[in-house]
Amino acid sequence: MKKIVVFGVGLIGGSFALALKKAGAVEHVVGVGRTETSLLRAKELGIIDEVSTNVADAVQGADLIMLAAPVAQTGAILASIAPHLQPGTIVTDAGSTKADVVAAAREAFGDKIAQFVPGHPIAGREQNGPDAALADLYVGKKTVITSLPENTEQDIERVAQAWQACGAIIHRLTPQEHDAVFASVSHLPHLLAYALVDDIASKPHAPILFQYAASGFRDFTRIAGSSPEMWRDISLANRAALLHELDAYLVQLIRMRKMLVERDSDALEKIYANAQQARHNWSVAIETAERQSKEGGD
């Protein structure tokens, strides 16, 4: 690609740009964002080659436009791009929710909707901003493409090839399938981690509780170090699916509370054993996939 434009040059967008540069897959990267400080820092770090505050100029002649800003900003960004979107330019995103993004794209792009190919890289860190960007963030990680009926296979493949150049493994789901899956395995865990840390931090003896918190607490709550703004937006954007998963989890907690009240050791142990086995199986599958990916790359 001769030119890509990245809206949001932090962890996700910055890592995308760095990875493409490292792979020699792009000649020129333009960064667009809310704050000039972040854009200038991204240029200083070599993430982008050009800072732009004018959307019309930024997208002129672009092969690919990546939206890597918080999902709540997606509609406004798409609307700013739409009047200047040229034939042949593909727009994609990295948002953690998809149904709302697709709805925003349909409203903003109208008959140009075929040029929008939604996506979501399954990778991240707790750090934010341009300094958190890594060229190898996506190596061996999944990227889900939630293509639309209007997309051509050629345009879908262009987006897939960009992610593959970053080292990602491509998966495909519908937007609805995506949101249901990630409400369960990503959005709910983040909500729970934030809730636990906030609950402990609000207690009058919080300092002593944190003093004795060790590796188990650290591992369980690691994701509560992520961007509050981003996860606020994700939680609200996927509200219906998240509420469904939260209600199911509350039922499970009530069941386990009853077991504790009744001192039902067998029932508790059964849940713990089932969970242990499921996590072990998942961990083995992940390790196997990563090993096969590395061997394939070698």
C-alpha atoms as a PDB file:
ATOM      1  CA  MET A   1       0.000   0.000   0.000  1.00  0.00           C
ATOM      2  CA  LYS A   2       1.231   3.444  -0.822  1.00  0.00           C
ATOM      3  CA  LYS A   3      -0.775   5.288   1.827  1.00  0.00           C
ATOM      4  CA  ILE A   4      -2.828   4.413   4.882  1.00  0.00           C
ATOM      5  CA  VAL A   5      -4.604   6.749   7.292  1.00  0.00           C
ATOM      6  CA  VAL A   6      -4.947   5.895  10.973  1.00  0.00           C
ATOM      7  CA  PHE A   7      -7.558   7.604  13.128  1.00  0.00           C
ATOM      8  CA  GLY A   8      -6.271   7.071  16.662  1.00  0.00           C
ATOM      9  CA  VAL A   9      -2.522   6.544  16.932  1.00  0.00           C
ATOM     10  CA  GLY A  10      -2.425   4.890  20.353  1.00  0.00           C
ATOM     11  CA  LEU A  11      -1.879   1.255  21.249  1.00  0.00           C
ATOM     12  CA  ILE A  12      -4.112  -0.362  18.615  1.00  0.00           C
ATOM     13  CA  GLY A  13      -3.739   2.049  15.696  1.00  0.00           C
ATOM     14  CA  GLY A  14      -0.089   2.722  16.450  1.00  0.00           C
ATOM     15  CA  SER A  15       0.748  -0.976  16.597  1.00  0.00           C
ATOM     16  CA  PHE A  16      -1.084  -1.534  13.300  1.00  0.00           C
ATOM     17  CA  ALA A  17       0.978   1.173  11.622  1.00  0.00           C
ATOM     18  CA  LEU A  18       4.268  -0.031  13.126  1.00  0.00           C
ATOM     19  CA  ALA A  19       3.584  -3.624  12.107  1.00  0.00           C
ATOM     20  CA  LEU A  20       2.807  -2.666   8.509  1.00  0.00           C
ATOM     21  CA  LYS A  21       5.946  -0.542   8.357  1.00  0.00           C
ATOM     22  CA  LYS A  22       8.047  -3.346   9.781  1.00  0.00           C
ATOM     23  CA  ALA A  23       6.634  -5.716   7.150  1.00  0.00           C
ATOM     24  CA  GLY A  24       7.326  -3.224   4.381  1.00  0.00           C
ATOM     25  CA  ALA A  25       3.623  -3.267   3.515  1.00  0.00           C
ATOM     26  CA  VAL A  26       3.071   0.513   3.465  1.00  0.00           C
ATOM     27  CA  GLU A  27       5.030   3.498   2.199  1.00  0.00           C
ATOM     28  CA  HIS A  28       3.336   6.411   3.962  1.00  0.00           C
ATOM     29  CA  VAL A  29       1.206   6.612   7.140  1.00  0.00           C
ATOM     30  CA  VAL A  30      -0.948   9.631   8.017  1.00  0.00           C
ATOM     31  CA  GLY A  31      -2.171  10.011  11.577  1.00  0.00           C
ATOM     32  CA  VAL A  32      -5.385  11.772  12.586  1.00  0.00           C
ATOM     33  CA  GLY A  33      -6.494  12.221  16.192  1.00  0.00           C
ATOM     34  CA  ARG A  34      -8.106  14.355  18.877  1.00  0.00           C
ATOM     35  CA  THR A  35      -4.928  15.689  20.434  1.00  0.00           C
ATOM     36  CA  GLU A  36      -1.955  17.192  18.666  1.00  0.00           C
ATOM     37  CA  THR A  37       0.318  16.003  21.472  1.00  0.00           C
ATOM     38  CA  SER A  38      -0.405  12.347  20.741  1.00  0.00           C
ATOM     39  CA  LEU A  39      -0.010  12.847  17.011  1.00  0.00           C
ATOM     40  CA  LEU A  40       3.327  14.595  17.387  1.00  0.00           C
ATOM     41  CA  ARG A  41       4.510  11.900  19.771  1.00  0.00           C
ATOM     42  CA  ALA A  42       3.472   9.218  17.281  1.00  0.00           C
ATOM     43  CA  LYS A  43       5.469  10.951  14.570  1.00  0.00           C
ATOM     44  CA  GLU A  44       8.454  11.294  16.895  1.00  0.00           C
ATOM     45  CA  LEU A  45       8.303   7.542  17.559  1.00  0.00           C
ATOM     46  CA  GLY A  46       8.147   6.769  13.840  1.00  0.00           C
ATOM     47  CA  ILE A  47       4.615   5.366  14.036  1.00  0.00           C
ATOM     48  CA  ILE A  48       3.295   7.842  11.475  1.00  0.00           C
ATOM     49  CA  ASP A  49       4.988   9.902   8.784  1.00  0.00           C
ATOM     50  CA  GLU A  50       2.535  12.781   8.677  1.00  0.00           C
ATOM     51  CA  VAL A  51       0.224  14.557  11.126  1.00  0.00           C
ATOM     52  CA  SER A  52      -3.073  15.797   9.736  1.00  0.00           C
ATOM     53  CA  THR A  53      -5.915  17.785  11.250  1.00  0.00           C
ATOM     54  CA  ASN A  54      -7.833  18.021   7.976  1.00  0.00           C
ATOM     55  CA  VAL A  55      -9.835  14.895   7.155  1.00  0.00           C
ATOM     56  CA  ALA A  56     -10.306  15.766   3.478  1.00  0.00           C
ATOM     57  CA  ASP A  57      -6.565  16.138   2.961  1.00  0.00           C
ATOM     58  CA  ALA A  58      -5.732  13.128   5.108  1.00  0.00           C
ATOM     59  CA  VAL A  59      -7.860  10.603   3.214  1.00  0.00           C
ATOM     60  CA  GLN A  60      -6.964  11.879  -0.264  1.00  0.00           C
ATOM     61  CA  GLY A  61      -5.387   9.015  -2.202  1.00  0.00           C
ATOM     62  CA  ALA A  62      -5.522   6.555   0.700  1.00  0.00           C
ATOM     63  CA  ASP A  63      -5.505   2.830   0.000  1.00  0.00           C
ATOM     64  CA  LEU A  64      -6.757   1.991   3.480  1.00  0.00           C
ATOM     65  CA  ILE A  65      -8.258   3.949   6.362  1.00  0.00           C
ATOM     66  CA  MET A  66      -8.088   2.419   9.851  1.00  0.00           C
ATOM     67  CA  LEU A  67     -10.371   3.605  12.656  1.00  0.00           C
ATOM     68  CA  ALA A  68      -8.688   2.832  15.976  1.00  0.00           C
ATOM     69  CA  ALA A  69     -10.400   5.426  18.170  1.00  0.00           C
ATOM     70  CA  PRO A  70     -12.852   4.625  21.017  1.00  0.00           C
ATOM     71  CA  VAL A  71     -16.028   3.093  19.578  1.00  0.00           C
ATOM     72  CA  ALA A  72     -18.205   6.002  20.724  1.00  0.00           C
ATOM     73  CA  GLN A  73     -16.319   8.232  18.269  1.00  0.00           C
ATOM     74  CA  THR A  74     -16.846   5.910  15.301  1.00  0.00           C
ATOM     75  CA  GLY A  75     -20.019   7.526  13.972  1.00  0.00           C
ATOM     76  CA  ALA A  76     -18.556  11.029  13.972  1.00  0.00           C
ATOM     77  CA  ILE A  77     -15.330   9.864  12.315  1.00  0.00           C
ATOM     78  CA  LEU A  78     -17.175   7.949   9.606  1.00  0.00           C
ATOM     79  CA  ALA A  79     -19.410  10.956   8.940  1.00  0.00           C
ATOM     80  CA  SER A  80     -16.321  13.157   8.550  1.00  0.00           C
ATOM     81  CA  ILE A  81     -14.782  10.701   6.077  1.00  0.00           C
ATOM     82  CA  ALA A  82     -17.887   9.996   3.978  1.00  0.00           C
ATOM     83  CA  PRO A  83     -17.941  13.181   1.824  1.00  0.00           C
ATOM     84  CA  HIS A  84     -14.291  12.669   0.895  1.00  0.00           C
ATOM     85  CA  LEU A  85     -14.240   8.877   0.449  1.00  0.00           C
ATOM     86  CA  GLN A  86     -12.829   8.044  -2.958  1.00  0.00           C
ATOM     87  CA  PRO A  87     -13.558   4.915  -5.016  1.00  0.00           C
ATOM     88  CA  GLY A  88     -10.978   2.248  -4.283  1.00  0.00           C
ATOM     89  CA  THR A  89     -10.310   3.363  -0.712  1.00  0.00           C
ATOM     90  CA  ILE A  90     -11.226   0.745   1.890  1.00  0.00           C
ATOM     91  CA  VAL A  91     -12.217   1.736   5.411  1.00  0.00           C
ATOM     92  CA  THR A  92     -11.888  -0.694   8.309  1.00  0.00           C
ATOM     93  CA  ASP A  93     -11.902  -0.471  12.093  1.00  0.00           C
ATOM     94  CA  ALA A  94     -10.526  -2.137  15.188  1.00  0.00           C
ATOM     95  CA  GLY A  95     -13.520  -1.648  17.472  1.00  0.00           C
ATOM     96  CA  SER A  96     -14.383  -4.189  20.160  1.00  0.00           C
ATOM     97  CA  THR A  97     -18.077  -4.053  19.249  1.00  0.00           C
ATOM     98  CA  LYS A  98     -19.435  -4.540  15.780  1.00  0.00           C
ATOM     99  CA  ALA A  99     -23.226  -4.235  15.446  1.00  0.00           C
ATOM    100  CA  ASP A 100     -23.184  -0.594  16.570  1.00  0.00           C
ATOM    101  CA  VAL A 101     -20.214   0.178  14.335  1.00  0.00           C
ATOM    102  CA  VAL A 102     -21.940  -1.363  11.316  1.00  0.00           C
ATOM    103  CA  ALA A 103     -25.091   0.659  12.036  1.00  0.00           C
ATOM    104  CA  ALA A 104     -23.021   3.844  12.249  1.00  0.00           C
ATOM    105  CA  ALA A 105     -21.244   2.982   8.991  1.00  0.00           C
ATOM    106  CA  ARG A 106     -24.521   2.382   7.164  1.00  0.00           C
ATOM    107  CA  GLU A 107     -25.839   5.738   8.335  1.00  0.00           C
ATOM    108  CA  ALA A 108     -22.663   7.633   7.448  1.00  0.00           C
ATOM    109  CA  PHE A 109     -21.703   5.903   4.185  1.00  0.00           C
ATOM    110  CA  GLY A 110     -25.086   5.135   2.617  1.00  0.00           C
ATOM    111  CA  ASP A 111     -24.465   3.717  -0.850  1.00  0.00           C
ATOM    112  CA  LYS A 112     -20.726   3.643  -0.138  1.00  0.00           C
ATOM    113  CA  ILE A 113     -21.178   0.996   2.582  1.00  0.00           C
ATOM    114  CA  ALA A 114     -19.432  -1.645   0.453  1.00  0.00           C
ATOM    115  CA  GLN A 115     -16.172   0.230   1.129  1.00  0.00           C
ATOM    116  CA  PHE A 116     -16.406  -0.439   4.880  1.00  0.00           C
ATOM    117  CA  VAL A 117     -15.012  -3.799   6.046  1.00  0.00           C
ATOM    118  CA  PRO A 118     -15.347  -4.099   9.848  1.00  0.00           C
ATOM    119  CA  GLY A 119     -12.714  -5.861  11.947  1.00  0.00           C
ATOM    120  CA  HIS A 120     -11.477  -6.454  15.474  1.00  0.00           C
ATOM    121  CA  PRO A 121      -7.943  -7.500  16.472  1.00  0.00           C
ATOM    122  CA  ILE A 122      -7.925  -9.686  19.592  1.00  0.00           C
ATOM    123  CA  ALA A 123      -4.850  -8.197  21.199  1.00  0.00           C
ATOM    124  CA  GLY A 124      -4.012  -5.468  23.647  1.00  0.00           C
ATOM    125  CA  ARG A 125      -2.112  -4.240  26.680  1.00  0.00           C
ATOM    126  CA  GLU A 126      -3.061  -2.265  29.775  1.00  0.00           C
ATOM    127  CA  GLN A 127      -0.945   0.689  28.603  1.00  0.00           C
ATOM    128  CA  ASN A 128      -2.413   3.327  26.317  1.00  0.00           C
ATOM    129  CA  GLY A 129      -1.183   5.986  23.903  1.00  0.00           C
ATOM    130  CA  PRO A 130       1.526   6.023  21.227  1.00  0.00           C
ATOM    131  CA  ASP A 131       4.252   4.944  23.651  1.00  0.00           C
ATOM    132  CA  ALA A 132       2.389   1.667  24.231  1.00  0.00           C
ATOM    133  CA  ALA A 133       2.413   0.710  20.530  1.00  0.00           C
ATOM    134  CA  LEU A 134       4.370  -2.418  19.561  1.00  0.00           C
ATOM    135  CA  ALA A 135       5.293  -3.629  16.091  1.00  0.00           C
ATOM    136  CA  ASP A 136       4.728  -7.256  17.127  1.00  0.00           C
ATOM    137  CA  LEU A 137       1.498  -6.786  19.111  1.00  0.00           C
ATOM    138  CA  TYR A 138      -0.561  -8.786  16.613  1.00  0.00           C
ATOM    139  CA  VAL A 139       1.871 -11.595  15.846  1.00  0.00           C
ATOM    140  CA  GLY A 140       0.081 -14.908  16.332  1.00  0.00           C
ATOM    141  CA  LYS A 141      -3.084 -13.162  17.555  1.00  0.00           C
ATOM    142  CA  LYS A 142      -6.551 -13.479  16.061  1.00  0.00           C
ATOM    143  CA  THR A 143      -8.202 -10.725  14.064  1.00  0.00           C
ATOM    144  CA  VAL A 144     -11.913 -11.156  13.450  1.00  0.00           C
ATOM    145  CA  ILE A 145     -13.306  -9.730  10.222  1.00  0.00           C
ATOM    146  CA  THR A 146     -17.067  -9.212  10.368  1.00  0.00           C
ATOM    147  CA  SER A 147     -17.675  -8.530   6.702  1.00  0.00           C
ATOM    148  CA  LEU A 148     -20.926  -7.172   5.294  1.00  0.00           C
ATOM    149  CA  PRO A 149     -23.059  -8.634   2.484  1.00  0.00           C
ATOM    150  CA  GLU A 150     -22.103  -5.622   0.355  1.00  0.00           C
ATOM    151  CA  ASN A 151     -18.353  -6.213   0.672  1.00  0.00           C
ATOM    152  CA  THR A 152     -16.556  -7.836  -2.246  1.00  0.00           C
ATOM    153  CA  GLU A 153     -14.256 -10.761  -1.527  1.00  0.00           C
ATOM    154  CA  GLN A 154     -11.459  -8.726  -3.065  1.00  0.00           C
ATOM    155  CA  ASP A 155     -11.903  -5.907  -0.525  1.00  0.00           C
ATOM    156  CA  ILE A 156     -12.264  -8.344   2.366  1.00  0.00           C
ATOM    157  CA  GLU A 157      -9.026  -9.960   1.253  1.00  0.00           C
ATOM    158  CA  ARG A 158      -7.281  -6.569   1.148  1.00  0.00           C
ATOM    159  CA  VAL A 159      -8.138  -6.008   4.801  1.00  0.00           C
ATOM    160  CA  ALA A 160      -7.182  -9.586   5.680  1.00  0.00           C
ATOM    161  CA  GLN A 161      -3.829  -9.191   3.940  1.00  0.00           C
ATOM    162  CA  ALA A 162      -3.092  -6.027   5.918  1.00  0.00           C
ATOM    163  CA  TRP A 163      -3.698  -7.870   9.184  1.00  0.00           C
ATOM    164  CA  GLN A 164      -1.741 -10.882   7.985  1.00  0.00           C
ATOM    165  CA  ALA A 165       1.172  -8.566   7.252  1.00  0.00           C
ATOM    166  CA  CYS A 166       0.947  -7.618  10.943  1.00  0.00           C
ATOM    167  CA  GLY A 167       1.271 -11.311  11.831  1.00  0.00           C
ATOM    168  CA  ALA A 168      -2.386 -11.843  12.725  1.00  0.00           C
ATOM    169  CA  ILE A 169      -4.488 -14.960  12.132  1.00  0.00           C
ATOM    170  CA  ILE A 170      -7.766 -14.188  10.367  1.00  0.00           C
ATOM    171  CA  HIS A 171     -11.146 -15.383  11.631  1.00  0.00           C
ATOM    172  CA  ARG A 172     -14.592 -14.443  10.323  1.00  0.00           C
ATOM    173  CA  LEU A 173     -17.869 -13.917  12.199  1.00  0.00           C
ATOM    174  CA  THR A 174     -21.021 -11.944  11.588  1.00  0.00           C
ATOM    175  CA  PRO A 175     -21.310  -8.707  13.607  1.00  0.00           C
ATOM    176  CA  GLN A 176     -24.025 -10.292  15.753  1.00  0.00           C
ATOM    177  CA  GLU A 177     -21.992 -13.449  16.412  1.00  0.00           C
ATOM    178  CA  HIS A 178     -19.006 -11.296  17.295  1.00  0.00           C
ATOM    179  CA  ASP A 179     -20.856  -9.209  19.872  1.00  0.00           C
ATOM    180  CA  ALA A 180     -22.428 -12.241  21.550  1.00  0.00           C
ATOM    181  CA  VAL A 181     -19.074 -14.030  21.807  1.00  0.00           C
ATOM    182  CA  PHE A 182     -17.106 -11.082  23.145  1.00  0.00           C
ATOM    183  CA  ALA A 183     -19.773 -10.053  25.630  1.00  0.00           C
ATOM    184  CA  SER A 184     -19.082 -13.413  27.268  1.00  0.00           C
ATOM    185  CA  VAL A 185     -15.307 -13.773  27.073  1.00  0.00           C
ATOM    186  CA  SER A 186     -14.109 -10.154  27.060  1.00  0.00           C
ATOM    187  CA  HIS A 187     -16.657  -7.525  28.004  1.00  0.00           C
ATOM    188  CA  LEU A 188     -18.051  -9.333  31.070  1.00  0.00           C
ATOM    189  CA  PRO A 189     -14.579 -10.163  32.469  1.00  0.00           C
ATOM    190  CA  HIS A 190     -13.584  -6.499  32.184  1.00  0.00           C
ATOM    191  CA  LEU A 191     -16.764  -5.408  33.948  1.00  0.00           C
ATOM    192  CA  LEU A 192     -16.113  -7.886  36.755  1.00  0.00           C
ATOM    193  CA  ALA A 193     -12.479  -6.866  37.177  1.00  0.00           C
ATOM    194  CA  TYR A 194     -13.378  -3.173  37.347  1.00  0.00           C
ATOM    195  CA  ALA A 195     -16.190  -3.913  39.800  1.00  0.00           C
ATOM    196  CA  LEU A 196     -13.970  -5.892  42.172  1.00  0.00           C
ATOM    197  CA  VAL A 197     -11.146  -3.348  42.236  1.00  0.00           C
ATOM    198  CA  ASP A 198     -13.585  -0.458  42.684  1.00  0.00           C
ATOM    199  CA  ASP A 199     -15.328  -2.316  45.531  1.00  0.00           C
ATOM    200  CA  ILE A 200     -12.068  -2.960  47.363  1.00  0.00           C
ATOM    201  CA  ALA A 201     -10.779   0.565  46.736  1.00  0.00           C
ATOM    202  CA  SER A 202     -13.983   1.969  48.261  1.00  0.00           C
ATOM    203  CA  LYS A 203     -13.603   0.124  51.557  1.00  0.00           C
ATOM    204  CA  PRO A 204     -12.285   2.129  54.548  1.00  0.00           C
ATOM    205  CA  HIS A 205      -9.473  -0.399  55.051  1.00  0.00           C
ATOM    206  CA  ALA A 206      -8.525  -0.500  51.342  1.00  0.00           C
ATOM    207  CA  PRO A 207      -4.804   0.211  51.971  1.00  0.00           C
ATOM    208  CA  ILE A 208      -4.369  -2.911  54.074  1.00  0.00           C
ATOM    209  CA  LEU A 209      -6.364  -5.003  51.587  1.00  0.00           C
ATOM    210  CA  PHE A 210      -4.139  -3.917  48.709  1.00  0.00           C
ATOM    211  CA  GLN A 211      -1.076  -4.463  50.895  1.00  0.00           C
ATOM    212  CA  TYR A 212      -1.867  -8.173  51.100  1.00  0.00           C
ATOM    213  CA  ALA A 213      -3.207  -8.651  47.582  1.00  0.00           C
ATOM    214  CA  ALA A 214      -0.884 -11.036  45.756  1.00  0.00           C
ATOM    215  CA  SER A 215      -0.536 -12.818  42.426  1.00  0.00           C
ATOM    216  CA  GLY A 216      -4.075 -14.206  42.298  1.00  0.00           C
ATOM    217  CA  PHE A 217      -5.585 -10.760  42.737  1.00  0.00           C
ATOM    218  CA  ARG A 218      -3.095  -9.272  40.289  1.00  0.00           C
ATOM    219  CA  ASP A 219      -3.892 -11.843  37.602  1.00  0.00           C
ATOM    220  CA  PHE A 220      -7.656 -11.598  38.058  1.00  0.00           C
ATOM    221  CA  THR A 221      -7.716  -7.804  38.007  1.00  0.00           C
ATOM    222  CA  ARG A 222      -4.987  -7.097  35.433  1.00  0.00           C
ATOM    223  CA  ILE A 223      -7.503  -5.929  32.844  1.00  0.00           C
ATOM    224  CA  ALA A 224      -8.868  -3.285  35.237  1.00  0.00           C
ATOM    225  CA  GLY A 225      -5.760  -1.319  34.297  1.00  0.00           C
ATOM    226  CA  SER A 226      -7.174  -0.755  30.793  1.00  0.00           C
ATOM    227  CA  SER A 227      -8.582   2.531  29.485  1.00  0.00           C
ATOM    228  CA  PRO A 228     -11.761   3.504  31.409  1.00  0.00           C
ATOM    229  CA  GLU A 229     -13.005   5.586  28.486  1.00  0.00           C
ATOM    230  CA  MET A 230     -12.612   2.749  26.036  1.00  0.00           C
ATOM    231  CA  TRP A 231     -14.340   0.205  28.262  1.00  0.00           C
ATOM    232  CA  ARG A 232     -17.146   2.594  29.150  1.00  0.00           C
ATOM    233  CA  ASP A 233     -17.851   2.919  25.435  1.00  0.00           C
ATOM    234  CA  ILE A 234     -17.599  -0.821  24.802  1.00  0.00           C
ATOM    235  CA  SER A 235     -19.904  -1.667  27.711  1.00  0.00           C
ATOM    236  CA  LEU A 236     -22.602   0.722  26.516  1.00  0.00           C
ATOM    237  CA  ALA A 237     -22.187  -0.143  22.838  1.00  0.00           C
ATOM    238  CA  ASN A 238     -22.711  -3.863  23.553  1.00  0.00           C
ATOM    239  CA  ARG A 239     -25.201  -3.232  26.339  1.00  0.00           C
ATOM    240  CA  ALA A 240     -27.835  -5.829  25.387  1.00  0.00           C
ATOM    241  CA  ALA A 241     -25.418  -8.740  24.989  1.00  0.00           C
ATOM    242  CA  LEU A 242     -23.470  -7.706  28.088  1.00  0.00           C
ATOM    243  CA  LEU A 243     -26.638  -7.533  30.192  1.00  0.00           C
ATOM    244  CA  HIS A 244     -27.543 -11.039  29.016  1.00  0.00           C
ATOM    245  CA  GLU A 245     -24.161 -12.398  30.109  1.00  0.00           C
ATOM    246  CA  LEU A 246     -24.227 -10.441  33.367  1.00  0.00           C
ATOM    247  CA  ASP A 247     -27.664 -11.833  34.257  1.00  0.00           C
ATOM    248  CA  ALA A 248     -26.433 -15.388  33.603  1.00  0.00           C
ATOM    249  CA  TYR A 249     -23.382 -14.753  35.785  1.00  0.00           C
ATOM    250  CA  LEU A 250     -25.539 -13.377  38.599  1.00  0.00           C
ATOM    251  CA  VAL A 251     -27.559 -16.616  38.520  1.00  0.00           C
ATOM    252  CA  GLN A 252     -24.324 -18.557  38.895  1.00  0.00           C
ATOM    253  CA  LEU A 253     -23.214 -16.386  41.813  1.00  0.00           C
ATOM    254  CA  ILE A 254     -26.552 -16.844  43.558  1.00  0.00           C
ATOM    255  CA  ARG A 255     -26.235 -20.619  43.115  1.00  0.00           C
ATOM    256  CA  MET A 256     -22.765 -20.558  44.635  1.00  0.00           C
ATOM    257  CA  ARG A 257     -23.895 -18.320  47.484  1.00  0.00           C
ATOM    258  CA  LYS A 258     -26.576 -20.896  48.318  1.00  0.00           C
ATOM    259  CA  MET A 259     -23.914 -23.617  48.308  1.00  0.00           C
ATOM    260  CA  LEU A 260     -21.857 -21.621  50.800  1.00  0.00           C
ATOM    261  CA  VAL A 261     -24.847 -20.970  53.049  1.00  0.00           C
ATOM    262  CA  GLU A 262     -25.729 -24.659  53.008  1.00  0.00           C
ATOM    263  CA  ARG A 263     -22.089 -25.789  53.332  1.00  0.00           C
ATOM    264  CA  ASP A 264     -22.558 -27.883  50.190  1.00  0.00           C
ATOM    265  CA  SER A 265     -18.941 -28.865  49.674  1.00  0.00           C
ATOM    266  CA  ASP A 266     -19.651 -31.386  46.894  1.00  0.00           C
ATOM    267  CA  ALA A 267     -21.484 -28.857  44.746  1.00  0.00           C
ATOM    268  CA  LEU A 268     -18.783 -26.225  45.215  1.00  0.00           C
ATOM    269  CA  GLU A 269     -16.021 -28.675  44.398  1.00  0.00           C
ATOM    270  CA  LYS A 270     -17.867 -29.788  41.262  1.00  0.00           C
ATOM    271  CA  ILE A 271     -18.013 -26.201  39.954  1.00  0.00           C
ATOM    272  CA  TYR A 272     -14.345 -25.644  40.797  1.00  0.00           C
ATOM    273  CA  ALA A 273     -13.358 -28.926  39.122  1.00  0.00           C
ATOM    274  CA  ASN A 274     -15.391 -28.201  35.984  1.00  0.00           C
ATOM    275  CA  ALA A 275     -13.861 -24.736  35.760  1.00  0.00           C
ATOM    276  CA  GLN A 276     -10.346 -26.059  36.312  1.00  0.00           C
ATOM    277  CA  GLN A 277     -10.713 -28.651  33.553  1.00  0.00           C
ATOM    278  CA  ALA A 278     -12.262 -26.174  31.121  1.00  0.00           C
ATOM    279  CA  ARG A 279      -9.472 -23.676  31.720  1.00  0.00           C
ATOM    280  CA  HIS A 280      -6.822 -26.363  31.331  1.00  0.00           C
ATOM    281  CA  ASN A 281      -8.313 -27.482  28.020  1.00  0.00           C
ATOM    282  CA  TRP A 282      -8.481 -23.888  26.815  1.00  0.00           C
ATOM    283  CA  SER A 283      -4.877 -23.219  27.864  1.00  0.00           C
ATOM    284  CA  VAL A 284      -3.620 -26.312  26.043  1.00  0.00           C
ATOM    285  CA  ALA A 285      -5.536 -25.329  22.905  1.00  0.00           C
ATOM    286  CA  ILE A 286      -4.052 -21.826  23.003  1.00  0.00           C
ATOM    287  CA  GLU A 287      -0.516 -23.138  23.481  1.00  0.00           C
ATOM    288  CA  THR A 288      -0.960 -25.614  20.621  1.00  0.00           C
ATOM    289  CA  ALA A 289      -2.287 -22.930  18.280  1.00  0.00           C
ATOM    290  CA  GLU A 290       0.555 -20.566  19.162  1.00  0.00           C
ATOM    291  CA  ARG A 291       3.141 -23.294  18.618  1.00  0.00           C
ATOM    292  CA  GLN A 292       1.633 -24.217  15.243  1.00  0.00           C
ATOM    293  CA  SER A 293       1.538 -20.554  14.256  1.00  0.00           C
ATOM    294  CA  LYS A 294       5.200 -20.119  15.167  1.00  0.00           C
ATOM    295  CA  GLU A 295       6.200 -23.290  13.305  1.00  0.00           C
ATOM    296  CA  GLY A 296       4.247 -22.101  10.268  1.00  0.00           C
ATOM    297  CA  GLY A 297       6.032 -18.760  10.405  1.00  0.00           C
ATOM    298  CA  ASP A 298       9.401 -20.446  10.651  1.00  0.00           C
END
